[in-house]
């Protein structure tokens, strides 16, 4: 089998398609080696096995929840697809659709993995303290991940033999096959001169969505404290998955909002996206309704300001 180019995979769904397009543009724009790697999408629409499970119960953090393909984050099981798509050979990076390149991903694709099959960073907050790793950005040695068989493993969640949270936190992997990279390669809502990949990971302050009703399901776990977990379970039981979850808020760092819309402006100027596409995204409430105004207002150089040498 011929050797493939290294590849950056962006996994997404219909609700985050615009973000995925902007993400792809950022990876190609900000690399001096863009011709030496591919950037490909992994879209939920192309995987019928996910749609066949609509409304069925699956296991998540010890609880049983309904699978909804319309959820903002329904694409997350597909982050384990790259080894299959690469024919279990070569290097791949997989990212969420709200991860944007500030630096050159070629550096990550070519780094010494020191024997690891997967490299990522720890989660922050309470999940990180419980050993959860952030799989929203992963560097993969695909030849060593032949046991990643997504359709089969996705089905196991509905058989209640595989817990979603254990899966996405890499708790089912041998720990000595996992290496850690620096936080700058998955910088959670933090942008400075050291940031390589910016991840707008706090869903409620995503730059795309300010003021619109929340359309993702907050995680909850069976914990005595904090009491917010009791409230989330009770709210979901009484009002459904999205009842009383509130609205998206403005990002606390205006520079990150400007960075995102600076990239969108460049995408418009280069024909990567069109005004009609943005208007359709606004109509479907996948994009805030003042997006075009923000695009016109953001300085043309904003997306380049943090580009690392």
Protein backbone atom coordinates (compact mmCIF):
# COMPACT_ATOMS: atom_id res chain seq x y z
CA UNK A 1 0.00 0.00 0.00
CA UNK A 2 1.38 3.43 -0.94
CA UNK A 3 2.40 5.73 1.88
CA UNK A 4 -0.17 8.45 2.50
CA UNK A 5 0.52 12.04 3.31
CA UNK A 6 0.03 12.96 6.96
CA UNK A 7 -3.48 14.28 7.45
CA UNK A 8 -5.37 16.70 9.66
CA UNK A 9 -8.94 15.46 10.19
CA UNK A 10 -11.70 17.82 11.33
CA UNK A 11 -14.74 15.95 12.62
CA UNK A 12 -18.02 17.82 12.52
CA UNK A 13 -21.78 17.82 11.94
CA UNK A 14 -24.26 20.11 10.19
CA UNK A 15 -24.40 22.51 13.14
CA UNK A 16 -20.65 23.12 13.12
CA UNK A 17 -19.96 22.95 9.38
CA UNK A 18 -19.04 26.61 9.12
CA UNK A 19 -16.56 26.23 11.98
CA UNK A 20 -15.05 23.20 10.23
CA UNK A 21 -14.57 25.15 6.99
CA UNK A 22 -12.90 28.01 8.86
CA UNK A 23 -10.76 25.53 10.78
CA UNK A 24 -9.55 23.89 7.56
CA UNK A 25 -8.68 27.29 6.13
CA UNK A 26 -6.68 28.16 9.27
CA UNK A 27 -4.59 24.96 9.09
CA UNK A 28 -3.69 25.54 5.45
CA UNK A 29 -3.22 29.28 5.83
CA UNK A 30 -0.88 29.11 8.81
CA UNK A 31 1.45 26.35 7.65
CA UNK A 32 4.60 26.77 5.60
CA UNK A 33 4.20 23.08 4.62
CA UNK A 34 0.53 23.01 3.56
CA UNK A 35 1.34 21.06 0.39
CA UNK A 36 2.87 18.26 2.45
CA UNK A 37 -0.24 17.24 4.40
CA UNK A 38 -3.95 16.85 3.67
CA UNK A 39 -6.89 18.34 5.54
CA UNK A 40 -10.05 16.22 5.45
CA UNK A 41 -13.50 16.35 7.03
CA UNK A 42 -15.24 13.57 8.93
CA UNK A 43 -18.94 14.51 8.83
CA UNK A 44 -21.73 12.72 10.69
CA UNK A 45 -23.90 12.72 7.54
CA UNK A 46 -21.56 10.15 6.00
CA UNK A 47 -21.99 7.59 8.80
CA UNK A 48 -25.45 5.95 8.71
CA UNK A 49 -24.64 3.78 11.72
CA UNK A 50 -24.97 6.92 13.87
CA UNK A 51 -28.32 7.94 12.41
CA UNK A 52 -29.77 4.47 12.89
CA UNK A 53 -29.36 4.93 16.65
CA UNK A 54 -31.44 8.10 16.86
CA UNK A 55 -33.34 8.23 20.16
CA UNK A 56 -31.85 5.00 21.53
CA UNK A 57 -30.36 4.82 25.02
CA UNK A 58 -26.60 4.65 25.39
CA UNK A 59 -24.22 4.53 28.34
CA UNK A 60 -22.64 7.82 29.41
CA UNK A 61 -20.78 8.21 32.69
CA UNK A 62 -22.72 5.36 34.27
CA UNK A 63 -26.08 6.78 33.22
CA UNK A 64 -28.35 5.99 30.26
CA UNK A 65 -29.11 8.86 27.89
CA UNK A 66 -30.80 9.17 24.50
CA UNK A 67 -28.62 9.53 21.42
CA UNK A 68 -29.56 12.67 19.47
CA UNK A 69 -27.88 13.28 16.12
CA UNK A 70 -29.06 16.89 16.21
CA UNK A 71 -26.97 17.64 19.30
CA UNK A 72 -24.23 20.24 18.77
CA UNK A 73 -21.56 17.69 19.69
CA UNK A 74 -22.93 14.52 18.08
CA UNK A 75 -19.74 14.18 16.01
CA UNK A 76 -17.48 13.30 18.96
CA UNK A 77 -17.34 9.48 18.46
CA UNK A 78 -15.91 10.15 14.99
CA UNK A 79 -12.67 11.44 16.49
CA UNK A 80 -11.61 7.79 16.56
CA UNK A 81 -12.09 7.34 12.79
CA UNK A 82 -8.74 8.58 11.41
CA UNK A 83 -6.77 5.30 11.79
CA UNK A 84 -9.42 3.48 9.69
CA UNK A 85 -9.52 6.29 7.12
CA UNK A 86 -5.72 6.21 6.88
CA UNK A 87 -5.67 2.44 6.32
CA UNK A 88 -3.95 2.10 9.70
CA UNK A 89 -0.76 3.75 8.48
CA UNK A 90 0.97 7.09 8.83
CA UNK A 91 0.42 10.10 11.06
CA UNK A 92 -2.80 12.00 11.64
CA UNK A 93 -4.02 14.87 13.78
CA UNK A 94 -7.72 14.99 14.60
CA UNK A 95 -9.42 18.14 15.90
CA UNK A 96 -12.84 19.45 16.83
CA UNK A 97 -14.44 21.93 14.40
CA UNK A 98 -13.89 24.76 16.90
CA UNK A 99 -10.09 24.34 16.87
CA UNK A 100 -8.22 26.92 14.80
CA UNK A 101 -4.56 26.93 13.82
CA UNK A 102 -2.55 29.89 15.06
CA UNK A 103 0.79 28.15 14.48
CA UNK A 104 2.04 25.54 12.04
CA UNK A 105 0.53 22.07 12.59
CA UNK A 106 3.40 20.56 10.57
CA UNK A 107 5.49 20.85 13.73
CA UNK A 108 3.00 18.65 15.57
CA UNK A 109 2.63 16.13 12.73
CA UNK A 110 6.39 15.60 12.75
CA UNK A 111 7.20 15.61 16.41
CA UNK A 112 8.92 12.71 18.19
CA UNK A 113 6.11 10.71 19.80
CA UNK A 114 8.63 8.81 21.94
CA UNK A 115 6.89 5.49 21.44
CA UNK A 116 3.36 6.72 22.12
CA UNK A 117 0.45 5.69 19.88
CA UNK A 118 -1.58 8.76 20.88
CA UNK A 119 -0.60 12.19 22.11
CA UNK A 120 -3.00 14.72 23.64
CA UNK A 121 -3.32 16.89 26.74
CA UNK A 122 -5.22 16.43 30.01
CA UNK A 123 -8.68 17.89 30.47
CA UNK A 124 -8.95 20.88 32.77
CA UNK A 125 -11.10 21.15 35.88
CA UNK A 126 -12.75 18.26 37.69
CA UNK A 127 -12.63 15.93 34.66
CA UNK A 128 -8.88 16.37 34.44
CA UNK A 129 -8.52 15.60 38.13
CA UNK A 130 -10.39 12.34 37.51
CA UNK A 131 -7.92 11.34 34.80
CA UNK A 132 -9.85 12.40 31.70
CA UNK A 133 -7.69 13.25 28.70
CA UNK A 134 -8.73 15.85 26.11
CA UNK A 135 -9.30 13.99 22.83
CA UNK A 136 -10.52 17.13 21.05
CA UNK A 137 -6.99 17.36 19.59
CA UNK A 138 -4.96 14.15 19.16
CA UNK A 139 -1.77 13.21 17.34
CA UNK A 140 -2.08 9.61 16.16
CA UNK A 141 0.33 6.90 15.03
CA UNK A 142 -2.33 5.11 12.99
CA UNK A 143 -0.41 1.84 12.58
CA UNK A 144 -0.61 1.30 16.34
CA UNK A 145 -4.36 1.91 16.57
CA UNK A 146 -5.81 -1.03 14.67
CA UNK A 147 -8.11 -1.74 17.60
CA UNK A 148 -9.96 1.53 16.91
CA UNK A 149 -13.02 0.25 15.04
CA UNK A 150 -15.59 2.96 15.41
CA UNK A 151 -18.84 1.42 14.16
CA UNK A 152 -18.37 -1.63 16.38
CA UNK A 153 -17.33 0.43 19.40
CA UNK A 154 -20.13 2.95 18.87
CA UNK A 155 -22.62 0.07 18.95
CA UNK A 156 -21.17 -1.13 22.26
CA UNK A 157 -22.41 2.08 23.92
CA UNK A 158 -25.98 1.00 23.12
CA UNK A 159 -25.30 -2.49 24.43
CA UNK A 160 -24.17 -0.79 27.67
CA UNK A 161 -20.76 -2.48 27.51
CA UNK A 162 -18.84 0.69 26.57
CA UNK A 163 -19.20 3.94 28.46
CA UNK A 164 -19.03 7.05 26.25
CA UNK A 165 -17.04 9.02 28.83
CA UNK A 166 -14.47 6.27 29.33
CA UNK A 167 -14.11 6.07 25.55
CA UNK A 168 -13.67 9.79 24.84
CA UNK A 169 -11.38 10.27 27.85
CA UNK A 170 -9.08 7.44 26.60
CA UNK A 171 -9.60 5.52 29.82
CA UNK A 172 -9.97 2.31 27.77
CA UNK A 173 -6.47 2.65 26.29
CA UNK A 174 -3.27 1.28 27.81
CA UNK A 175 -1.89 4.31 29.65
CA UNK A 176 1.70 3.63 28.60
CA UNK A 177 0.67 4.08 24.92
CA UNK A 178 -0.44 7.67 25.56
CA UNK A 179 1.91 10.64 25.59
CA UNK A 180 1.16 14.23 26.56
CA UNK A 181 1.94 17.27 24.49
CA UNK A 182 2.09 20.90 25.57
CA UNK A 183 -1.16 22.76 26.25
CA UNK A 184 -0.38 25.19 23.41
CA UNK A 185 -1.43 22.44 20.97
CA UNK A 186 -4.95 22.47 22.42
CA UNK A 187 -5.20 25.84 24.13
CA UNK A 188 -8.56 26.01 25.90
CA UNK A 189 -10.01 29.50 25.32
CA UNK A 190 -6.55 31.01 25.69
CA UNK A 191 -4.79 32.99 22.98
CA UNK A 192 -1.31 34.46 23.20
CA UNK A 193 1.99 34.38 21.32
CA UNK A 194 2.64 30.79 22.46
CA UNK A 195 -0.71 29.37 21.27
CA UNK A 196 -0.44 26.93 18.35
CA UNK A 197 -4.00 25.57 18.20
CA UNK A 198 -6.76 27.68 19.74
CA UNK A 199 -9.73 25.68 21.00
CA UNK A 200 -12.94 27.55 21.78
CA UNK A 201 -13.87 24.72 24.07
CA UNK A 202 -16.32 26.44 26.42
CA UNK A 203 -19.50 25.71 24.52
CA UNK A 204 -21.59 28.41 26.18
CA UNK A 205 -19.22 31.20 25.07
CA UNK A 206 -18.54 30.00 21.52
CA UNK A 207 -17.97 33.04 19.23
CA UNK A 208 -20.45 31.68 16.66
CA UNK A 209 -23.41 31.53 18.97
CA UNK A 210 -23.69 34.57 21.29
CA UNK A 211 -27.27 35.20 22.53
CA UNK A 212 -28.84 32.07 20.96
CA UNK A 213 -30.44 29.26 22.92
CA UNK A 214 -28.12 26.47 23.98
CA UNK A 215 -28.29 23.43 21.67
CA UNK A 216 -25.82 21.10 23.37
CA UNK A 217 -26.42 18.89 26.38
CA UNK A 218 -24.36 19.79 29.46
CA UNK A 219 -22.57 16.80 30.93
CA UNK A 220 -23.66 15.56 34.31
CA UNK A 221 -22.36 12.78 36.48
CA UNK A 222 -23.52 10.95 39.57
CA UNK A 223 -21.79 13.02 42.22
CA UNK A 224 -22.99 14.16 45.63
CA UNK A 225 -21.24 17.48 45.12
CA UNK A 226 -21.54 19.93 43.55
CA UNK A 227 -25.36 20.06 43.65
CA UNK A 228 -25.47 21.36 40.04
CA UNK A 229 -25.38 17.71 38.94
CA UNK A 230 -28.62 17.05 40.83
CA UNK A 231 -30.20 20.08 39.16
CA UNK A 232 -29.10 19.03 35.66
CA UNK A 233 -30.56 15.56 36.03
CA UNK A 234 -33.84 16.89 37.45
CA UNK A 235 -34.06 19.56 34.72
CA UNK A 236 -33.50 16.99 31.99
CA UNK A 237 -36.12 14.63 33.44
CA UNK A 238 -38.75 17.38 33.68
CA UNK A 239 -38.05 19.60 30.67
CA UNK A 240 -35.98 17.55 28.21
CA UNK A 241 -32.36 17.77 27.18
CA UNK A 242 -32.35 21.47 26.32
CA UNK A 243 -35.00 22.83 28.68
CA UNK A 244 -33.83 25.80 30.75
CA UNK A 245 -30.21 25.42 29.65
CA UNK A 246 -30.04 29.16 28.94
CA UNK A 247 -28.37 31.11 26.17
CA UNK A 248 -24.90 31.44 24.76
CA UNK A 249 -22.86 34.30 26.20
CA UNK A 250 -20.21 36.57 24.72
CA UNK A 251 -16.68 35.16 24.86
CA UNK A 252 -14.84 36.67 27.86
CA UNK A 253 -11.81 37.41 25.63
CA UNK A 254 -12.87 39.77 22.79
CA UNK A 255 -9.60 39.00 20.95
CA UNK A 256 -10.71 35.41 20.39
CA UNK A 257 -14.02 36.54 18.92
CA UNK A 258 -12.09 38.95 16.68
CA UNK A 259 -9.64 36.20 15.72
CA UNK A 260 -12.47 33.89 14.64
CA UNK A 261 -14.32 36.55 12.66
CA UNK A 262 -11.01 37.70 11.16
CA UNK A 263 -10.65 34.20 9.75
CA UNK A 264 -14.26 34.27 8.54
CA UNK A 265 -13.54 37.58 6.78
CA UNK A 266 -10.57 36.04 5.00
CA UNK A 267 -12.66 33.01 4.04
CA UNK A 268 -15.24 35.34 2.48
CA UNK A 269 -12.59 37.28 0.61
CA UNK A 270 -11.04 34.08 -0.77
CA UNK A 271 -14.33 32.37 -1.63
CA UNK A 272 -14.01 29.61 0.97
CA UNK A 273 -17.46 30.65 2.21
CA UNK A 274 -20.06 32.99 0.71
CA UNK A 275 -22.44 35.57 2.16
CA UNK A 276 -25.32 33.32 1.11
CA UNK A 277 -23.80 30.49 3.12
CA UNK A 278 -23.43 32.72 6.19
CA UNK A 279 -27.01 33.93 5.84
CA UNK A 280 -28.23 30.32 5.65
CA UNK A 281 -26.24 29.47 8.78
CA UNK A 282 -27.80 32.47 10.55
CA UNK A 283 -31.28 31.43 9.39
CA UNK A 284 -30.70 27.97 10.88
CA UNK A 285 -29.38 29.53 14.12
CA UNK A 286 -26.00 27.88 13.65
CA UNK A 287 -24.42 31.33 13.54
CA UNK A 288 -25.18 34.51 15.47
CA UNK A 289 -27.33 36.93 13.50
CA UNK A 290 -24.89 39.83 13.70
CA UNK A 291 -22.09 37.78 12.11
CA UNK A 292 -21.87 39.78 8.87
CA UNK A 293 -21.68 43.02 10.84
CA UNK A 294 -18.85 41.57 12.93
CA UNK A 295 -17.03 40.34 9.83
CA UNK A 296 -17.19 43.81 8.27
CA UNK A 297 -16.03 45.45 11.48
CA UNK A 298 -13.07 43.25 12.33
CA UNK A 299 -9.66 44.58 11.16
CA UNK A 300 -8.37 42.69 8.08
CA UNK A 301 -5.14 41.84 9.92
CA UNK A 302 -6.84 40.40 12.99
CA UNK A 303 -6.45 36.73 12.02
CA UNK A 304 -2.75 37.27 11.34
CA UNK A 305 -1.93 39.09 14.58
CA UNK A 306 -1.10 35.97 16.57
CA UNK A 307 0.51 33.98 13.75
CA UNK A 308 3.62 32.35 15.20
CA UNK A 309 6.87 32.68 13.31
